[in-house]
């Protein structure tokens, strides 16, 4: 199993071939991803967690409010 979804896997998961629609579907379903130009990058482990019903948390950087 690859660390990231292939374009074929991403199409099969989302049902969409276009990057914008894929990103919207992933966001709506709570699966963390990154858009890099014309690519959508999704970690396979995030999809596995989502399929298992786990909440997948996307980090947007350090939690500075936790630093004292």
Protein backbone atom coordinates (compact mmCIF):
# COMPACT_ATOMS: atom_id res chain seq x y z
CA UNK A 1 0.00 0.00 0.00
CA UNK A 2 1.34 3.42 -0.95
CA UNK A 3 1.59 6.23 1.59
CA UNK A 4 -0.57 8.45 -0.64
CA UNK A 5 -3.62 7.77 -2.81
CA UNK A 6 -3.01 7.50 -6.54
CA UNK A 7 -5.11 9.57 -8.91
CA UNK A 8 -7.08 6.40 -9.71
CA UNK A 9 -7.72 5.71 -6.01
CA UNK A 10 -8.73 9.32 -5.41
CA UNK A 11 -11.18 9.17 -8.30
CA UNK A 12 -12.64 5.89 -6.99
CA UNK A 13 -12.99 7.32 -3.46
CA UNK A 14 -14.59 10.64 -4.38
CA UNK A 15 -16.37 9.73 -7.58
CA UNK A 16 -14.84 12.79 -9.24
CA UNK A 17 -12.00 13.20 -11.75
CA UNK A 18 -11.58 16.97 -11.33
CA UNK A 19 -9.32 18.27 -8.59
CA UNK A 20 -11.75 20.93 -7.36
CA UNK A 21 -14.61 18.47 -6.92
CA UNK A 22 -12.29 15.96 -5.23
CA UNK A 23 -11.07 18.58 -2.75
CA UNK A 24 -14.64 19.64 -1.97
CA UNK A 25 -15.71 16.02 -1.41
CA UNK A 26 -12.74 15.36 0.87
CA UNK A 27 -13.44 18.52 2.88
CA UNK A 28 -17.15 17.69 3.20
CA UNK A 29 -16.25 14.21 4.48
CA UNK A 30 -13.60 15.42 6.91
CA UNK A 31 -10.60 13.83 5.23
CA UNK A 32 -7.41 15.93 5.51
CA UNK A 33 -5.74 16.69 2.20
CA UNK A 34 -3.55 19.24 0.43
CA UNK A 35 -4.02 20.78 -2.98
CA UNK A 36 -0.69 21.24 -4.78
CA UNK A 37 -1.31 22.82 -8.14
CA UNK A 38 -3.33 20.31 -10.14
CA UNK A 39 -2.79 17.51 -7.59
CA UNK A 40 -4.77 16.55 -4.53
CA UNK A 41 -2.58 14.79 -1.97
CA UNK A 42 -4.27 12.44 0.50
CA UNK A 43 -2.55 10.13 2.97
CA UNK A 44 -3.79 6.54 2.77
CA UNK A 45 -3.82 6.34 6.58
CA UNK A 46 -6.34 9.19 6.74
CA UNK A 47 -8.70 7.35 4.40
CA UNK A 48 -8.27 4.13 6.41
CA UNK A 49 -9.10 5.98 9.65
CA UNK A 50 -12.14 7.58 8.01
CA UNK A 51 -13.37 4.20 6.78
CA UNK A 52 -12.99 2.82 10.31
CA UNK A 53 -15.15 5.64 11.63
CA UNK A 54 -12.37 7.45 13.45
CA UNK A 55 -12.28 11.24 13.58
CA UNK A 56 -9.34 12.42 11.51
CA UNK A 57 -7.87 15.69 12.75
CA UNK A 58 -6.13 17.99 10.35
CA UNK A 59 -3.39 20.14 11.81
CA UNK A 60 -2.84 23.66 10.54
CA UNK A 61 0.28 24.20 12.60
CA UNK A 62 1.35 24.50 16.23
CA UNK A 63 -1.20 25.24 18.92
CA UNK A 64 0.39 28.41 20.28
CA UNK A 65 -2.36 28.83 22.88
CA UNK A 66 -1.02 25.69 24.61
CA UNK A 67 2.44 27.26 25.05
CA UNK A 68 2.99 28.92 28.42
